[in-house]
Amino acid sequence: MRQQVLKALANPPRIFYVPYSIAVMNFVVQFLIFIILLIISLLVGGITGGGIPVNPLYFLLSVIGVHLILAGFSKKEPQLANIIAAKIQLFKRRVQNELRP
């Protein structure tokens, strides 16, 4: 039983080599950026299409590119999601001195 608990803690759940929480956060942030750009282009150019063209392919390529970068970082540091969560907690507590490397 002890071995299973240690294995679960040492290997967090992953989506294509990136910890689950970071991969979902990446997708959500990039999707929100895409939606904001789409709304801005519709407001600037109108629905008939005189504005800035927003191509969903760029969104897909940026999601894949950032995911590959995150996979590289998480291979070097397997507990990346825990480190980010701990730093967010420190920001919420406004502890600035402990955030320096």
Protein backbone atom coordinates (compact mmCIF):
# COMPACT_ATOMS: atom_id res chain seq x y z
CA MET A 1 0.00 0.00 0.00
CA ARG A 2 2.79 2.43 0.85
CA GLN A 3 4.42 1.93 -2.56
CA GLN A 4 1.23 2.89 -4.40
CA VAL A 5 0.86 6.12 -2.41
CA LEU A 6 4.47 7.12 -3.07
CA LYS A 7 4.11 6.33 -6.76
CA ALA A 8 0.97 8.46 -7.02
CA LEU A 9 2.72 11.39 -5.36
CA ALA A 10 5.88 11.05 -7.42
CA ASN A 11 4.06 10.79 -10.77
CA PRO A 12 1.23 13.31 -11.04
CA PRO A 13 -1.43 12.68 -13.72
CA ARG A 14 -0.30 13.93 -17.11
CA ILE A 15 -1.76 14.87 -20.49
CA PHE A 16 0.87 14.28 -23.18
CA TYR A 17 3.81 14.65 -20.75
CA VAL A 18 2.47 17.81 -19.04
CA PRO A 19 0.86 17.73 -15.57
CA TYR A 20 -2.91 17.73 -15.86
CA SER A 21 -3.60 21.01 -14.03
CA ILE A 22 -1.02 22.95 -16.06
CA ALA A 23 -2.28 21.52 -19.36
CA VAL A 24 -5.87 22.49 -18.55
CA MET A 25 -4.75 25.94 -17.40
CA ASN A 26 -2.81 26.39 -20.66
CA PHE A 27 -5.84 25.47 -22.77
CA VAL A 28 -8.21 27.70 -20.79
CA VAL A 29 -5.93 30.75 -20.97
CA GLN A 30 -5.27 30.32 -24.67
CA PHE A 31 -8.97 29.74 -25.40
CA LEU A 32 -9.89 32.93 -23.52
CA ILE A 33 -7.27 34.86 -25.49
CA PHE A 34 -8.73 33.48 -28.73
CA ILE A 35 -12.28 34.44 -27.73
CA ILE A 36 -11.17 37.96 -26.75
CA LEU A 37 -9.38 38.40 -30.09
CA LEU A 38 -12.43 37.09 -31.96
CA ILE A 39 -14.75 39.50 -30.17
CA ILE A 40 -12.38 42.42 -30.81
CA SER A 41 -12.15 41.56 -34.50
CA LEU A 42 -15.94 41.34 -34.76
CA LEU A 43 -16.36 44.68 -33.02
CA VAL A 44 -13.74 46.40 -35.17
CA GLY A 45 -14.75 45.01 -38.53
CA GLY A 46 -18.32 44.00 -38.04
CA ILE A 47 -19.76 40.59 -38.80
CA THR A 48 -19.48 41.12 -42.57
CA GLY A 49 -15.70 40.88 -42.32
CA GLY A 50 -13.89 44.17 -42.71
CA GLY A 51 -11.79 43.74 -39.57
CA ILE A 52 -8.81 41.77 -38.44
CA PRO A 53 -9.06 38.16 -39.58
CA VAL A 54 -8.77 35.66 -36.71
CA ASN A 55 -7.75 32.22 -37.84
CA PRO A 56 -8.47 29.30 -35.44
CA LEU A 57 -5.42 27.52 -36.86
CA TYR A 58 -3.15 30.05 -35.13
CA PHE A 59 -4.91 29.24 -31.86
CA LEU A 60 -4.33 25.53 -32.39
CA LEU A 61 -0.66 26.04 -33.27
CA SER A 62 -0.09 28.25 -30.22
CA VAL A 63 -1.72 25.67 -27.92
CA ILE A 64 0.53 22.92 -29.33
CA GLY A 65 3.63 25.14 -29.16
CA VAL A 66 3.07 26.17 -25.55
CA HIS A 67 2.22 22.58 -24.63
CA LEU A 68 5.57 21.42 -26.06
CA ILE A 69 7.38 24.09 -24.05
CA LEU A 70 5.56 23.02 -20.90
CA ALA A 71 6.43 19.38 -21.64
CA GLY A 72 10.12 20.36 -21.79
CA PHE A 73 9.92 22.19 -18.48
CA SER A 74 7.98 19.42 -16.76
CA LYS A 75 10.48 16.80 -17.94
CA LYS A 76 13.21 18.78 -16.21
CA GLU A 77 11.07 19.42 -13.11
CA PRO A 78 8.41 16.69 -12.61
CA GLN A 79 6.66 18.49 -9.74
CA LEU A 80 6.09 21.67 -11.76
CA ALA A 81 2.38 21.86 -10.97
CA ASN A 82 3.03 21.67 -7.23
CA ILE A 83 5.67 24.40 -7.45
CA ILE A 84 3.30 26.70 -9.35
CA ALA A 85 0.48 26.03 -6.88
CA ALA A 86 2.80 26.80 -3.95
CA LYS A 87 3.94 30.08 -5.55
CA ILE A 88 0.32 31.10 -6.17
CA GLN A 89 -0.43 30.47 -2.49
CA LEU A 90 2.54 32.65 -1.52
CA PHE A 91 1.27 35.42 -3.80
CA LYS A 92 -2.15 35.20 -2.15
CA ARG A 93 -0.49 35.59 1.26
CA ARG A 94 1.60 38.46 -0.13
CA VAL A 95 4.86 36.89 0.97
CA GLN A 96 7.26 38.56 -1.45
CA ASN A 97 10.63 37.61 0.05
CA GLU A 98 10.15 33.87 -0.27
CA LEU A 99 9.45 33.97 -4.01
CA ARG A 100 13.03 34.65 -4.99
CA PRO A 101 15.00 31.66 -6.29
